[in-house]
């Protein structure tokens, strides 16, 4: 039954055939999507990477190949020779790219058979994700997954084309590098030739791309794999892909305008979408004040308002207690929301706030007969008046309040805002809203570590006017940094870098990295800075996240060919796995499996 391709050569892809091919003889190869027997005439939908084409097996034309067609089953691999003919008017399929034609089979070869597949190769699949990942090669046959992979290729190609045309050089940096544990954990690789020593897989090519600027290459880029051993979620993988860039003799504006031009070009060439530039820019402090987050979704309003000053002398213990501990009170007014939310939805929203760490979620509903709320009895007449004026409270509104530490209030209220946007369908899902968040603090104090830590990374340059603040008032120093946000998701971040050793050492000193430790971790970079390092800056954009958002997927796993699960495993290859004692011995390491506590 099975045959070889032999001398047969594919002439066309299934999905590219149209009326211009009518009366041509073609040779197609692909997978059987489905087989239908209509009173002796058999119709087969043949699929390849370009799409579907209907093949007709008519017993009146050739009984022998009709007998072969009767054997065909889903996902068998076949080759067909035949003539392209127009479909009759009543059989045209307007929903199919090739729906105006069909191929009348003249010869057929069965190249391979298939076992019964664990799920159907269709647009929508009713299968557990672990099953899809175990049979990823089947999952990738489905049109949505196939299209995502093709789209990924097109975006990467457009990025390369744009950067090449703008004077960038694509230069590879090594995957085996030095461990510098700052932030996420490194993936470690033992060195057989240097027993007891380890490489680390790079979390970012940061120090090496800076070194390339010192080498004089001026404009570098790389679409590069990076690795972080951290807990996973829908938009995070242990290995991920960055569009990594670095430029010499530039300001923040130069990097930002280059990225905007790249995004504009990529969207036009891959999606046919035109976006306006320049994108909106928002200082970090403003983003935190208005939205409670440094990656706000600006597709809808519903902004937060700091009302701490109204309650500085309040008798309401909850509000006063938060302020006495150095916290804040923020509110958001859902205009006309009093009638839009049921009491159950309000209670569910309160439970959601508690799940985020809040002690509760206060609210006031403005009705026909005044304010309705459990907290109104604790508020003075003056406080009510100031609230109404500050928040523009009117009949039909409902206001939500958060009172706690500044970080907790921002975290809870920013998420409550997003949840309300979801519940009430306030977001235009078709809209692409790009935003630059700029002027981040250079450093922040970590109560846990009892020291200052870098907000971005320790190579970020301070604003020129804030260099002296690094030593005198480090928490007040602003940085030359910028994040790019798309629809409320951070898709990239960068900065102008420190190019002078004296300033770099000042930053290291403040964050608790002394000269000896700095030399141990970053000695090569510090020395390179003494050999004529130019001013430089760059950015890294998360390709996987960008593709997820542009494809309308909810998980980056659906835009990666062979992703890991949330536990970091690959059901297809069964990685990670144990290795033999001989391999461990050769690498000079031993393995200790810690018992989990029940």
Foldseek 3Di string as FASTA:
>chain_A
DADACPPDDFDDEAQPDAPVQAFPKGKYKAWFQDWDQDPLKIWTWGHDLNGTAIEIEHCVQPVVVSVVSVPDDGGFIKMFIFGKHFDDPVQQDPVGSHRGIHTYTDDMHGNGHDDPDPWHQEQDTPDDVLSCLQPLVSPCSRNLLSVLQVLLVLLVVLLVVLLVVVLEDEDDDDQFADDDDDDFHWDWAFDLVDFPDTTTGAQDCVLVVLLVLLVPSFKYWYFDKHAGDDFDDQADFRIFTKTWIKGFPDALVVQLVSVVVSVQRSCCRRPVDHDDDDAAEAAQVRCCQFQLDLQAQVQFHQTKHWPLVLCCPFPQCQQVVLVVVVATKIKTKDALCLVVDDVVNVVVLQVVLVVLPAPTKFKWAQAPVGIDGPCPVRGDPSSVVVCCVVRVDDHNMMMIMGGHHSNSRSRRRSVSVVVVCVSVVRGDLVDKHKYKHFFAQQWDADPVVRFIAGPPHLFWAWDPVCLVCLPVPSRPTTTQKMFMHISRHTFKIKHWTDLALVSSQSSCVRRVQHPVNCCVNPVVSSVSSVSDRGGMMIMMGGSLVVSCSVSVHSGSVSSDSFGADSVNARSNVRPPDDDDPVVCVSSNHDDDDDDDDD
